[in-house]
PDB file of N, CA and C in Angstrom:
ATOM      1  N   UNK A   1    -139.567  87.157 -28.618  1.00  0.00           N
ATOM      2  CA  UNK A   1    -139.969  88.182 -29.551  1.00  0.00           C
ATOM      3  C   UNK A   1    -138.837  89.186 -29.691  1.00  0.00           C
ATOM      4  N   UNK A   2    -138.784  89.842 -30.801  1.00  0.00           N
ATOM      5  CA  UNK A   2    -137.773  90.877 -30.992  1.00  0.00           C
ATOM      6  C   UNK A   2    -138.105  92.063 -30.090  1.00  0.00           C
ATOM      7  N   UNK A   3    -137.143  92.942 -29.829  1.00  0.00           N
ATOM      8  CA  UNK A   3    -137.418  94.108 -28.996  1.00  0.00           C
ATOM      9  C   UNK A   3    -138.568  94.971 -29.530  1.00  0.00           C
ATOM     10  N   UNK A   4    -138.656  95.140 -30.840  1.00  0.00           N
ATOM     11  CA  UNK A   4    -139.720  95.977 -31.411  1.00  0.00           C
ATOM     12  C   UNK A   4    -141.068  95.269 -31.434  1.00  0.00           C
ATOM     13  N   UNK A   5    -141.085  93.952 -31.417  1.00  0.00           N
ATOM     14  CA  UNK A   5    -142.345  93.219 -31.274  1.00  0.00           C
ATOM     15  C   UNK A   5    -142.830  93.267 -29.829  1.00  0.00           C
ATOM     16  N   UNK A   6    -141.904  93.172 -28.903  1.00  0.00           N
ATOM     17  CA  UNK A   6    -142.254  93.068 -27.487  1.00  0.00           C
ATOM     18  C   UNK A   6    -142.606  94.408 -26.843  1.00  0.00           C
ATOM     19  N   UNK A   7    -141.780  95.407 -27.066  1.00  0.00           N
ATOM     20  CA  UNK A   7    -141.993  96.759 -26.511  1.00  0.00           C
ATOM     21  C   UNK A   7    -142.218  96.762 -25.003  1.00  0.00           C
ATOM     22  N   UNK A   8    -141.435  95.960 -24.278  1.00  0.00           N
ATOM     23  CA  UNK A   8    -141.458  95.992 -22.816  1.00  0.00           C
ATOM     24  C   UNK A   8    -142.511  95.130 -22.151  1.00  0.00           C
ATOM     25  N   UNK A   9    -143.245  94.325 -22.899  1.00  0.00           N
ATOM     26  CA  UNK A   9    -144.269  93.467 -22.291  1.00  0.00           C
ATOM     27  C   UNK A   9    -143.614  92.238 -21.640  1.00  0.00           C
ATOM     28  N   UNK A  10    -144.419  91.468 -20.910  1.00  0.00           N
ATOM     29  CA  UNK A  10    -143.961  90.224 -20.285  1.00  0.00           C
ATOM     30  C   UNK A  10    -145.110  89.217 -20.354  1.00  0.00           C
ATOM     31  N   UNK A  11    -145.322  88.693 -21.576  1.00  0.00           N
ATOM     32  CA  UNK A  11    -146.475  87.843 -21.838  1.00  0.00           C
ATOM     33  C   UNK A  11    -146.105  86.619 -22.662  1.00  0.00           C
ATOM     34  N   UNK A  12    -146.985  85.620 -22.601  1.00  0.00           N
ATOM     35  CA  UNK A  12    -146.938  84.475 -23.493  1.00  0.00           C
ATOM     36  C   UNK A  12    -148.145  84.635 -24.411  1.00  0.00           C
ATOM     37  N   UNK A  13    -147.890  84.869 -25.686  1.00  0.00           N
ATOM     38  CA  UNK A  13    -148.938  85.047 -26.682  1.00  0.00           C
ATOM     39  C   UNK A  13    -149.147  83.706 -27.388  1.00  0.00           C
ATOM     40  N   UNK A  14    -150.362  83.179 -27.316  1.00  0.00           N
ATOM     41  CA  UNK A  14    -150.665  81.848 -27.836  1.00  0.00           C
ATOM     42  C   UNK A  14    -151.580  81.968 -29.045  1.00  0.00           C
ATOM     43  N   UNK A  15    -151.287  81.159 -30.060  1.00  0.00           N
ATOM     44  CA  UNK A  15    -152.145  81.060 -31.238  1.00  0.00           C
ATOM     45  C   UNK A  15    -152.446  79.586 -31.470  1.00  0.00           C
ATOM     46  N   UNK A  16    -153.724  79.269 -31.675  1.00  0.00           N
ATOM     47  CA  UNK A  16    -154.153  77.910 -31.980  1.00  0.00           C
ATOM     48  C   UNK A  16    -154.592  77.882 -33.437  1.00  0.00           C
ATOM     49  N   UNK A  17    -154.037  76.933 -34.210  1.00  0.00           N
ATOM     50  CA  UNK A  17    -154.398  76.802 -35.626  1.00  0.00           C
ATOM     51  C   UNK A  17    -154.788  75.356 -35.926  1.00  0.00           C
ATOM     52  N   UNK A  18    -155.554  75.182 -37.017  1.00  0.00           N
ATOM     53  CA  UNK A  18    -155.885  73.832 -37.481  1.00  0.00           C
ATOM     54  C   UNK A  18    -154.789  73.346 -38.421  1.00  0.00           C
ATOM     55  N   UNK A  19    -154.987  72.174 -39.012  1.00  0.00           N
ATOM     56  CA  UNK A  19    -153.966  71.574 -39.882  1.00  0.00           C
ATOM     57  C   UNK A  19    -153.610  72.447 -41.076  1.00  0.00           C
ATOM     58  N   UNK A  20    -154.554  73.287 -41.519  1.00  0.00           N
ATOM     59  CA  UNK A  20    -154.315  74.170 -42.663  1.00  0.00           C
ATOM     60  C   UNK A  20    -153.758  75.528 -42.243  1.00  0.00           C
ATOM     61  N   UNK A  21    -153.575  75.732 -40.932  1.00  0.00           N
ATOM     62  CA  UNK A  21    -153.044  77.002 -40.440  1.00  0.00           C
ATOM     63  C   UNK A  21    -154.098  78.050 -40.147  1.00  0.00           C
ATOM     64  N   UNK A  22    -155.376  77.665 -40.187  1.00  0.00           N
ATOM     65  CA  UNK A  22    -156.461  78.600 -39.891  1.00  0.00           C
ATOM     66  C   UNK A  22    -156.669  78.721 -38.386  1.00  0.00           C
ATOM     67  N   UNK A  23    -156.992  79.917 -37.877  1.00  0.00           N
ATOM     68  CA  UNK A  23    -157.196  80.099 -36.442  1.00  0.00           C
ATOM     69  C   UNK A  23    -158.335  79.243 -35.908  1.00  0.00           C
ATOM     70  N   UNK A  24    -158.150  78.729 -34.694  1.00  0.00           N
ATOM     71  CA  UNK A  24    -159.164  77.916 -34.014  1.00  0.00           C
ATOM     72  C   UNK A  24    -159.574  78.632 -32.738  1.00  0.00           C
ATOM     73  N   UNK A  25    -160.854  78.988 -32.637  1.00  0.00           N
ATOM     74  CA  UNK A  25    -161.400  79.593 -31.421  1.00  0.00           C
ATOM     75  C   UNK A  25    -162.024  78.513 -30.547  1.00  0.00           C
ATOM     76  N   UNK A  26    -162.079  78.774 -29.242  1.00  0.00           N
ATOM     77  CA  UNK A  26    -162.775  77.898 -28.310  1.00  0.00           C
ATOM     78  C   UNK A  26    -161.933  76.813 -27.676  1.00  0.00           C
ATOM     79  N   UNK A  27    -160.629  76.763 -27.958  1.00  0.00           N
ATOM     80  CA  UNK A  27    -159.757  75.771 -27.311  1.00  0.00           C
ATOM     81  C   UNK A  27    -159.359  76.302 -25.932  1.00  0.00           C
ATOM     82  N   UNK A  28    -159.468  75.465 -24.906  1.00  0.00           N
ATOM     83  CA  UNK A  28    -159.086  75.849 -23.555  1.00  0.00           C
ATOM     84  C   UNK A  28    -157.580  75.705 -23.401  1.00  0.00           C
ATOM     85  N   UNK A  29    -156.923  76.777 -22.960  1.00  0.00           N
ATOM     86  CA  UNK A  29    -155.469  76.810 -22.805  1.00  0.00           C
ATOM     87  C   UNK A  29    -155.163  77.146 -21.347  1.00  0.00           C
ATOM     88  N   UNK A  30    -154.180  76.447 -20.762  1.00  0.00           N
ATOM     89  CA  UNK A  30    -153.817  76.696 -19.371  1.00  0.00           C
ATOM     90  C   UNK A  30    -152.347  77.074 -19.253  1.00  0.00           C
ATOM     91  N   UNK A  31    -152.056  77.769 -18.158  1.00  0.00           N
ATOM     92  CA  UNK A  31    -150.694  78.152 -17.777  1.00  0.00           C
ATOM     93  C   UNK A  31    -150.416  77.511 -16.424  1.00  0.00           C
ATOM     94  N   UNK A  32    -149.266  76.842 -16.321  1.00  0.00           N
ATOM     95  CA  UNK A  32    -148.841  76.217 -15.070  1.00  0.00           C
ATOM     96  C   UNK A  32    -147.401  76.624 -14.777  1.00  0.00           C
ATOM     97  N   UNK A  33    -146.925  76.409 -13.535  1.00  0.00           N
ATOM     98  CA  UNK A  33    -145.489  76.523 -13.321  1.00  0.00           C
ATOM     99  C   UNK A  33    -144.787  75.495 -14.205  1.00  0.00           C
ATOM    100  N   UNK A  34    -143.583  75.792 -14.648  1.00  0.00           N
ATOM    101  CA  UNK A  34    -142.852  74.925 -15.589  1.00  0.00           C
ATOM    102  C   UNK A  34    -142.871  73.468 -15.123  1.00  0.00           C
ATOM    103  N   UNK A  35    -143.383  72.600 -16.012  1.00  0.00           N
ATOM    104  CA  UNK A  35    -143.369  71.162 -15.770  1.00  0.00           C
ATOM    105  C   UNK A  35    -144.378  70.659 -14.752  1.00  0.00           C
ATOM    106  N   UNK A  36    -145.147  71.531 -14.151  1.00  0.00           N
ATOM    107  CA  UNK A  36    -146.123  71.126 -13.132  1.00  0.00           C
ATOM    108  C   UNK A  36    -147.514  71.022 -13.759  1.00  0.00           C
ATOM    109  N   UNK A  37    -147.642  70.119 -14.713  1.00  0.00           N
ATOM    110  CA  UNK A  37    -148.906  69.943 -15.419  1.00  0.00           C
ATOM    111  C   UNK A  37    -149.994  69.591 -14.414  1.00  0.00           C
ATOM    112  N   UNK A  38    -151.116  70.269 -14.504  1.00  0.00           N
ATOM    113  CA  UNK A  38    -152.208  70.070 -13.562  1.00  0.00           C
ATOM    114  C   UNK A  38    -152.239  71.109 -12.462  1.00  0.00           C
ATOM    115  N   UNK A  39    -151.126  71.777 -12.189  1.00  0.00           N
ATOM    116  CA  UNK A  39    -151.073  72.848 -11.183  1.00  0.00           C
ATOM    117  C   UNK A  39    -151.423  74.163 -11.883  1.00  0.00           C
ATOM    118  N   UNK A  40    -152.692  74.339 -12.206  1.00  0.00           N
ATOM    119  CA  UNK A  40    -153.153  75.423 -13.076  1.00  0.00           C
ATOM    120  C   UNK A  40    -153.077  76.778 -12.368  1.00  0.00           C
ATOM    121  N   UNK A  41    -152.361  77.714 -13.007  1.00  0.00           N
ATOM    122  CA  UNK A  41    -152.295  79.091 -12.519  1.00  0.00           C
ATOM    123  C   UNK A  41    -153.358  79.966 -13.163  1.00  0.00           C
ATOM    124  N   UNK A  42    -153.601  79.721 -14.456  1.00  0.00           N
ATOM    125  CA  UNK A  42    -154.544  80.542 -15.201  1.00  0.00           C
ATOM    126  C   UNK A  42    -155.092  79.726 -16.363  1.00  0.00           C
ATOM    127  N   UNK A  43    -156.318  80.070 -16.791  1.00  0.00           N
ATOM    128  CA  UNK A  43    -156.969  79.426 -17.934  1.00  0.00           C
ATOM    129  C   UNK A  43    -157.567  80.515 -18.812  1.00  0.00           C
ATOM    130  N   UNK A  44    -157.606  80.256 -20.101  1.00  0.00           N
ATOM    131  CA  UNK A  44    -158.286  81.145 -21.037  1.00  0.00           C
ATOM    132  C   UNK A  44    -158.689  80.338 -22.266  1.00  0.00           C
ATOM    133  N   UNK A  45    -159.462  80.949 -23.127  1.00  0.00           N
ATOM    134  CA  UNK A  45    -159.958  80.273 -24.320  1.00  0.00           C
ATOM    135  C   UNK A  45    -159.403  80.973 -25.555  1.00  0.00           C
ATOM    136  N   UNK A  46    -158.945  80.178 -26.530  1.00  0.00           N
ATOM    137  CA  UNK A  46    -158.473  80.782 -27.774  1.00  0.00           C
ATOM    138  C   UNK A  46    -159.622  81.540 -28.421  1.00  0.00           C
ATOM    139  N   UNK A  47    -159.287  82.676 -28.994  1.00  0.00           N
ATOM    140  CA  UNK A  47    -160.286  83.580 -29.552  1.00  0.00           C
ATOM    141  C   UNK A  47    -160.539  84.768 -28.644  1.00  0.00           C
ATOM    142  N   UNK A  48    -160.037  84.713 -27.406  1.00  0.00           N
ATOM    143  CA  UNK A  48    -160.257  85.794 -26.442  1.00  0.00           C
ATOM    144  C   UNK A  48    -159.541  87.083 -26.843  1.00  0.00           C
ATOM    145  N   UNK A  49    -158.484  86.987 -27.624  1.00  0.00           N
ATOM    146  CA  UNK A  49    -157.694  88.158 -28.016  1.00  0.00           C
ATOM    147  C   UNK A  49    -157.620  88.319 -29.532  1.00  0.00           C
ATOM    148  N   UNK A  50    -158.568  87.714 -30.248  1.00  0.00           N
ATOM    149  CA  UNK A  50    -158.585  87.739 -31.701  1.00  0.00           C
ATOM    150  C   UNK A  50    -158.690  86.320 -32.206  1.00  0.00           C
ATOM    151  N   UNK A  51    -158.879  86.115 -33.504  1.00  0.00           N
ATOM    152  CA  UNK A  51    -159.048  84.764 -34.045  1.00  0.00           C
ATOM    153  C   UNK A  51    -157.908  83.816 -33.667  1.00  0.00           C
ATOM    154  N   UNK A  52    -158.234  82.778 -32.885  1.00  0.00           N
ATOM    155  CA  UNK A  52    -157.262  81.774 -32.459  1.00  0.00           C
ATOM    156  C   UNK A  52    -156.286  82.236 -31.397  1.00  0.00           C
ATOM    157  N   UNK A  53    -156.446  83.443 -30.874  1.00  0.00           N
ATOM    158  CA  UNK A  53    -155.441  84.041 -29.987  1.00  0.00           C
ATOM    159  C   UNK A  53    -155.888  84.119 -28.531  1.00  0.00           C
ATOM    160  N   UNK A  54    -154.917  83.963 -27.635  1.00  0.00           N
ATOM    161  CA  UNK A  54    -155.086  84.234 -26.208  1.00  0.00           C
ATOM    162  C   UNK A  54    -153.710  84.568 -25.651  1.00  0.00           C
ATOM    163  N   UNK A  55    -153.661  84.987 -24.396  1.00  0.00           N
ATOM    164  CA  UNK A  55    -152.366  85.352 -23.813  1.00  0.00           C
ATOM    165  C   UNK A  55    -152.369  85.185 -22.306  1.00  0.00           C
ATOM    166  N   UNK A  56    -151.160  85.075 -21.763  1.00  0.00           N
ATOM    167  CA  UNK A  56    -150.939  84.965 -20.326  1.00  0.00           C
ATOM    168  C   UNK A  56    -149.847  85.946 -19.914  1.00  0.00           C
ATOM    169  N   UNK A  57    -149.952  86.495 -18.724  1.00  0.00           N
ATOM    170  CA  UNK A  57    -148.891  87.331 -18.161  1.00  0.00           C
ATOM    171  C   UNK A  57    -147.827  86.438 -17.536  1.00  0.00           C
ATOM    172  N   UNK A  58    -146.586  86.920 -17.542  1.00  0.00           N
ATOM    173  CA  UNK A  58    -145.490  86.256 -16.835  1.00  0.00           C
ATOM    174  C   UNK A  58    -145.006  87.203 -15.752  1.00  0.00           C
ATOM    175  N   UNK A  59    -144.596  86.629 -14.625  1.00  0.00           N
ATOM    176  CA  UNK A  59    -144.155  87.448 -13.502  1.00  0.00           C
ATOM    177  C   UNK A  59    -142.704  87.154 -13.157  1.00  0.00           C
ATOM    178  N   UNK A  60    -142.072  88.123 -12.538  1.00  0.00           N
ATOM    179  CA  UNK A  60    -140.646  88.087 -12.208  1.00  0.00           C
ATOM    180  C   UNK A  60    -140.260  86.791 -11.485  1.00  0.00           C
ATOM    181  N   UNK A  61    -139.226  86.143 -12.012  1.00  0.00           N
ATOM    182  CA  UNK A  61    -138.639  84.981 -11.365  1.00  0.00           C
ATOM    183  C   UNK A  61    -139.326  83.656 -11.634  1.00  0.00           C
ATOM    184  N   UNK A  62    -140.434  83.643 -12.343  1.00  0.00           N
ATOM    185  CA  UNK A  62    -141.176  82.403 -12.572  1.00  0.00           C
ATOM    186  C   UNK A  62    -140.879  81.833 -13.955  1.00  0.00           C
ATOM    187  N   UNK A  63    -141.066  80.520 -14.081  1.00  0.00           N
ATOM    188  CA  UNK A  63    -141.010  79.837 -15.376  1.00  0.00           C
ATOM    189  C   UNK A  63    -142.335  79.115 -15.572  1.00  0.00           C
ATOM    190  N   UNK A  64    -142.803  79.066 -16.812  1.00  0.00           N
ATOM    191  CA  UNK A  64    -144.146  78.569 -17.082  1.00  0.00           C
ATOM    192  C   UNK A  64    -144.173  77.500 -18.156  1.00  0.00           C
ATOM    193  N   UNK A  65    -145.256  76.716 -18.108  1.00  0.00           N
ATOM    194  CA  UNK A  65    -145.656  75.819 -19.188  1.00  0.00           C
ATOM    195  C   UNK A  65    -147.037  76.269 -19.632  1.00  0.00           C
ATOM    196  N   UNK A  66    -147.313  76.161 -20.925  1.00  0.00           N
ATOM    197  CA  UNK A  66    -148.658  76.401 -21.444  1.00  0.00           C
ATOM    198  C   UNK A  66    -149.021  75.252 -22.375  1.00  0.00           C
ATOM    199  N   UNK A  67    -150.316  74.906 -22.370  1.00  0.00           N
ATOM    200  CA  UNK A  67    -150.781  73.818 -23.229  1.00  0.00           C
ATOM    201  C   UNK A  67    -152.291  73.885 -23.381  1.00  0.00           C
ATOM    202  N   UNK A  68    -152.767  73.222 -24.424  1.00  0.00           N
ATOM    203  CA  UNK A  68    -154.198  73.075 -24.657  1.00  0.00           C
ATOM    204  C   UNK A  68    -154.676  71.893 -23.818  1.00  0.00           C
ATOM    205  N   UNK A  69    -155.877  72.025 -23.255  1.00  0.00           N
ATOM    206  CA  UNK A  69    -156.439  70.982 -22.414  1.00  0.00           C
ATOM    207  C   UNK A  69    -157.902  70.754 -22.760  1.00  0.00           C
ATOM    208  N   UNK A  70    -158.346  69.531 -22.610  1.00  0.00           N
ATOM    209  CA  UNK A  70    -159.769  69.234 -22.784  1.00  0.00           C
ATOM    210  C   UNK A  70    -160.474  69.156 -21.442  1.00  0.00           C
ATOM    211  N   UNK A  71    -159.756  68.714 -20.395  1.00  0.00           N
ATOM    212  CA  UNK A  71    -160.378  68.544 -19.083  1.00  0.00           C
ATOM    213  C   UNK A  71    -160.112  69.716 -18.135  1.00  0.00           C
ATOM    214  N   UNK A  72    -159.413  70.743 -18.610  1.00  0.00           N
ATOM    215  CA  UNK A  72    -159.121  71.907 -17.775  1.00  0.00           C
ATOM    216  C   UNK A  72    -157.908  71.763 -16.891  1.00  0.00           C
ATOM    217  N   UNK A  73    -157.232  70.610 -16.970  1.00  0.00           N
ATOM    218  CA  UNK A  73    -156.084  70.353 -16.102  1.00  0.00           C
ATOM    219  C   UNK A  73    -154.900  69.765 -16.868  1.00  0.00           C
ATOM    220  N   UNK A  74    -155.122  68.666 -17.562  1.00  0.00           N
ATOM    221  CA  UNK A  74    -154.046  67.905 -18.197  1.00  0.00           C
ATOM    222  C   UNK A  74    -153.878  68.275 -19.662  1.00  0.00           C
ATOM    223  N   UNK A  75    -152.635  68.171 -20.187  1.00  0.00           N
ATOM    224  CA  UNK A  75    -152.429  68.435 -21.611  1.00  0.00           C
ATOM    225  C   UNK A  75    -153.249  67.476 -22.470  1.00  0.00           C
ATOM    226  N   UNK A  76    -153.838  67.984 -23.546  1.00  0.00           N
ATOM    227  CA  UNK A  76    -154.628  67.132 -24.424  1.00  0.00           C
ATOM    228  C   UNK A  76    -153.780  66.511 -25.531  1.00  0.00           C
ATOM    229  N   UNK A  77    -152.513  66.886 -25.613  1.00  0.00           N
ATOM    230  CA  UNK A  77    -151.598  66.297 -26.581  1.00  0.00           C
ATOM    231  C   UNK A  77    -150.181  66.432 -26.042  1.00  0.00           C
ATOM    232  N   UNK A  78    -149.222  66.011 -26.844  1.00  0.00           N
ATOM    233  CA  UNK A  78    -147.822  66.143 -26.448  1.00  0.00           C
ATOM    234  C   UNK A  78    -147.305  67.555 -26.682  1.00  0.00           C
ATOM    235  N   UNK A  79    -148.128  68.405 -27.276  1.00  0.00           N
ATOM    236  CA  UNK A  79    -147.718  69.780 -27.531  1.00  0.00           C
ATOM    237  C   UNK A  79    -147.801  70.589 -26.230  1.00  0.00           C
ATOM    238  N   UNK A  80    -146.637  70.794 -25.618  1.00  0.00           N
ATOM    239  CA  UNK A  80    -146.530  71.595 -24.402  1.00  0.00           C
ATOM    240  C   UNK A  80    -145.366  72.547 -24.597  1.00  0.00           C
ATOM    241  N   UNK A  81    -145.591  73.818 -24.330  1.00  0.00           N
ATOM    242  CA  UNK A  81    -144.510  74.804 -24.389  1.00  0.00           C
ATOM    243  C   UNK A  81    -143.987  74.992 -22.971  1.00  0.00           C
ATOM    244  N   UNK A  82    -142.771  74.545 -22.712  1.00  0.00           N
ATOM    245  CA  UNK A  82    -142.159  74.603 -21.381  1.00  0.00           C
ATOM    246  C   UNK A  82    -141.072  75.662 -21.313  1.00  0.00           C
ATOM    247  N   UNK A  83    -140.937  76.276 -20.156  1.00  0.00           N
ATOM    248  CA  UNK A  83    -139.782  77.110 -19.860  1.00  0.00           C
ATOM    249  C   UNK A  83    -139.863  78.568 -20.243  1.00  0.00           C
ATOM    250  N   UNK A  84    -141.070  79.086 -20.491  1.00  0.00           N
ATOM    251  CA  UNK A  84    -141.168  80.521 -20.777  1.00  0.00           C
ATOM    252  C   UNK A  84    -140.906  81.292 -19.484  1.00  0.00           C
ATOM    253  N   UNK A  85    -140.073  82.315 -19.589  1.00  0.00           N
ATOM    254  CA  UNK A  85    -139.731  83.142 -18.435  1.00  0.00           C
ATOM    255  C   UNK A  85    -139.411  84.558 -18.893  1.00  0.00           C
ATOM    256  N   UNK A  86    -139.708  85.521 -18.048  1.00  0.00           N
ATOM    257  CA  UNK A  86    -139.321  86.904 -18.358  1.00  0.00           C
ATOM    258  C   UNK A  86    -137.979  87.244 -17.730  1.00  0.00           C
ATOM    259  N   UNK A  87    -137.354  86.266 -17.061  1.00  0.00           N
ATOM    260  CA  UNK A  87    -136.088  86.488 -16.355  1.00  0.00           C
ATOM    261  C   UNK A  87    -134.890  86.289 -17.273  1.00  0.00           C
ATOM    262  N   UNK A  88    -134.890  86.969 -18.400  1.00  0.00           N
ATOM    263  CA  UNK A  88    -133.790  86.881 -19.356  1.00  0.00           C
ATOM    264  C   UNK A  88    -132.933  88.133 -19.209  1.00  0.00           C
ATOM    265  N   UNK A  89    -131.653  87.914 -18.944  1.00  0.00           N
ATOM    266  CA  UNK A  89    -130.727  89.022 -18.729  1.00  0.00           C
ATOM    267  C   UNK A  89    -130.266  89.557 -20.079  1.00  0.00           C
ATOM    268  N   UNK A  90    -130.175  90.844 -20.173  1.00  0.00           N
ATOM    269  CA  UNK A  90    -129.691  91.499 -21.386  1.00  0.00           C
ATOM    270  C   UNK A  90    -130.708  92.477 -21.907  1.00  0.00           C
ATOM    271  N   UNK A  91    -130.289  93.697 -22.098  1.00  0.00           N
ATOM    272  CA  UNK A  91    -131.190  94.737 -22.583  1.00  0.00           C
ATOM    273  C   UNK A  91    -131.055  94.890 -24.093  1.00  0.00           C
ATOM    274  N   UNK A  92    -132.199  94.899 -24.767  1.00  0.00           N
ATOM    275  CA  UNK A  92    -132.254  95.148 -26.202  1.00  0.00           C
ATOM    276  C   UNK A  92    -133.352  96.171 -26.438  1.00  0.00           C
ATOM    277  N   UNK A  93    -132.982  97.363 -26.839  1.00  0.00           N
ATOM    278  CA  UNK A  93    -133.960  98.418 -27.086  1.00  0.00           C
ATOM    279  C   UNK A  93    -134.499  98.313 -28.506  1.00  0.00           C
ATOM    280  N   UNK A  94    -135.687  98.854 -28.694  1.00  0.00           N
ATOM    281  CA  UNK A  94    -136.248  98.986 -30.033  1.00  0.00           C
ATOM    282  C   UNK A  94    -135.837 100.364 -30.546  1.00  0.00           C
ATOM    283  N   UNK A  95    -135.085 100.433 -31.631  1.00  0.00           N
ATOM    284  CA  UNK A  95    -134.599 101.736 -32.101  1.00  0.00           C
ATOM    285  C   UNK A  95    -135.697 102.653 -32.650  1.00  0.00           C
ATOM    286  N   UNK A  96    -136.872 102.103 -32.968  1.00  0.00           N
ATOM    287  CA  UNK A  96    -137.925 102.923 -33.570  1.00  0.00           C
ATOM    288  C   UNK A  96    -139.091 103.210 -32.632  1.00  0.00           C
ATOM    289  N   UNK A  97    -139.018 102.715 -31.376  1.00  0.00           N
ATOM    290  CA  UNK A  97    -140.115 102.930 -30.419  1.00  0.00           C
ATOM    291  C   UNK A  97    -139.591 102.763 -29.004  1.00  0.00           C
ATOM    292  N   UNK A  98    -140.372 103.197 -28.030  1.00  0.00           N
ATOM    293  CA  UNK A  98    -140.012 103.004 -26.628  1.00  0.00           C
ATOM    294  C   UNK A  98    -140.189 101.546 -26.251  1.00  0.00           C
ATOM    295  N   UNK A  99    -139.361 101.083 -25.343  1.00  0.00           N
ATOM    296  CA  UNK A  99    -139.453  99.715 -24.857  1.00  0.00           C
ATOM    297  C   UNK A  99    -138.492  98.812 -25.589  1.00  0.00           C
ATOM    298  N   UNK A 100    -138.678  97.527 -25.362  1.00  0.00           N
ATOM    299  CA  UNK A 100    -137.807  96.520 -25.957  1.00  0.00           C
ATOM    300  C   UNK A 100    -137.825  95.290 -25.091  1.00  0.00           C
ATOM    301  N   UNK A 101    -136.687  94.618 -24.993  1.00  0.00           N
ATOM    302  CA  UNK A 101    -136.521  93.463 -24.117  1.00  0.00           C
ATOM    303  C   UNK A 101    -135.525  93.834 -23.034  1.00  0.00           C
ATOM    304  N   UNK A 102    -135.970  93.724 -21.782  1.00  0.00           N
ATOM    305  CA  UNK A 102    -135.107  93.968 -20.634  1.00  0.00           C
ATOM    306  C   UNK A 102    -135.394  92.893 -19.595  1.00  0.00           C
ATOM    307  N   UNK A 103    -134.598  92.845 -18.547  1.00  0.00           N
ATOM    308  CA  UNK A 103    -134.827  91.883 -17.479  1.00  0.00           C
ATOM    309  C   UNK A 103    -136.270  91.999 -16.993  1.00  0.00           C
ATOM    310  N   UNK A 104    -136.988  90.882 -16.977  1.00  0.00           N
ATOM    311  CA  UNK A 104    -138.391  90.754 -16.558  1.00  0.00           C
ATOM    312  C   UNK A 104    -139.372  91.342 -17.564  1.00  0.00           C
ATOM    313  N   UNK A 105    -138.911  91.753 -18.726  1.00  0.00           N
ATOM    314  CA  UNK A 105    -139.781  92.269 -19.782  1.00  0.00           C
ATOM    315  C   UNK A 105    -139.398  91.625 -21.123  1.00  0.00           C
ATOM    316  N   UNK A 106    -139.732  90.336 -21.213  1.00  0.00           N
ATOM    317  CA  UNK A 106    -139.539  89.533 -22.420  1.00  0.00           C
ATOM    318  C   UNK A 106    -140.838  88.782 -22.678  1.00  0.00           C
ATOM    319  N   UNK A 107    -141.154  88.530 -23.925  1.00  0.00           N
ATOM    320  CA  UNK A 107    -142.386  87.826 -24.277  1.00  0.00           C
ATOM    321  C   UNK A 107    -142.110  86.734 -25.298  1.00  0.00           C
ATOM    322  N   UNK A 108    -143.068  85.814 -25.418  1.00  0.00           N
ATOM    323  CA  UNK A 108    -142.946  84.675 -26.330  1.00  0.00           C
ATOM    324  C   UNK A 108    -144.209  84.522 -27.159  1.00  0.00           C
ATOM    325  N   UNK A 109    -144.043  84.101 -28.395  1.00  0.00           N
ATOM    326  CA  UNK A 109    -145.139  83.659 -29.251  1.00  0.00           C
ATOM    327  C   UNK A 109    -145.106  82.136 -29.271  1.00  0.00           C
ATOM    328  N   UNK A 110    -146.251  81.513 -28.993  1.00  0.00           N
ATOM    329  CA  UNK A 110    -146.371  80.059 -29.004  1.00  0.00           C
ATOM    330  C   UNK A 110    -147.513  79.698 -29.941  1.00  0.00           C
ATOM    331  N   UNK A 111    -147.267  78.759 -30.852  1.00  0.00           N
ATOM    332  CA  UNK A 111    -148.308  78.306 -31.782  1.00  0.00           C
ATOM    333  C   UNK A 111    -148.545  76.820 -31.556  1.00  0.00           C
ATOM    334  N   UNK A 112    -149.806  76.456 -31.334  1.00  0.00           N
ATOM    335  CA  UNK A 112    -150.213  75.062 -31.239  1.00  0.00           C
ATOM    336  C   UNK A 112    -151.034  74.732 -32.466  1.00  0.00           C
ATOM    337  N   UNK A 113    -150.694  73.612 -33.126  1.00  0.00           N
ATOM    338  CA  UNK A 113    -151.482  73.161 -34.263  1.00  0.00           C
ATOM    339  C   UNK A 113    -152.397  72.035 -33.794  1.00  0.00           C
ATOM    340  N   UNK A 114    -153.682  72.211 -34.015  1.00  0.00           N
ATOM    341  CA  UNK A 114    -154.674  71.273 -33.499  1.00  0.00           C
ATOM    342  C   UNK A 114    -154.504  69.899 -34.129  1.00  0.00           C
ATOM    343  N   UNK A 115    -154.293  68.924 -33.252  1.00  0.00           N
ATOM    344  CA  UNK A 115    -154.238  67.524 -33.664  1.00  0.00           C
ATOM    345  C   UNK A 115    -154.822  66.666 -32.556  1.00  0.00           C
ATOM    346  N   UNK A 116    -155.586  67.263 -31.680  1.00  0.00           N
ATOM    347  CA  UNK A 116    -156.175  66.531 -30.559  1.00  0.00           C
ATOM    348  C   UNK A 116    -157.632  66.267 -30.815  1.00  0.00           C
TER     349      UNK A 116
END
């Protein structure tokens, strides 16, 4: 995310859409350590943060994978977002607000299109 979109957060923001781009609520989404599918750290349902939306926190030094699941453990499709981390070096301030992107304060937007 840009510094002004992020404003110092450290999250993975997920949006689930259908084939037409409409938000999909009720899809189970999991967060795992990068590439460790099935080693579930957190679960949430799309729609928890608005139409088709959910989010996960990221913590210092970790890398994550996120994906939609039907069984609560395994990816339900080949759509897996790997390698999200807040450990990105380089400070970028937002000139119009407090915060931005700094070490351990970076965020990602991930969009999954339903085809499962």
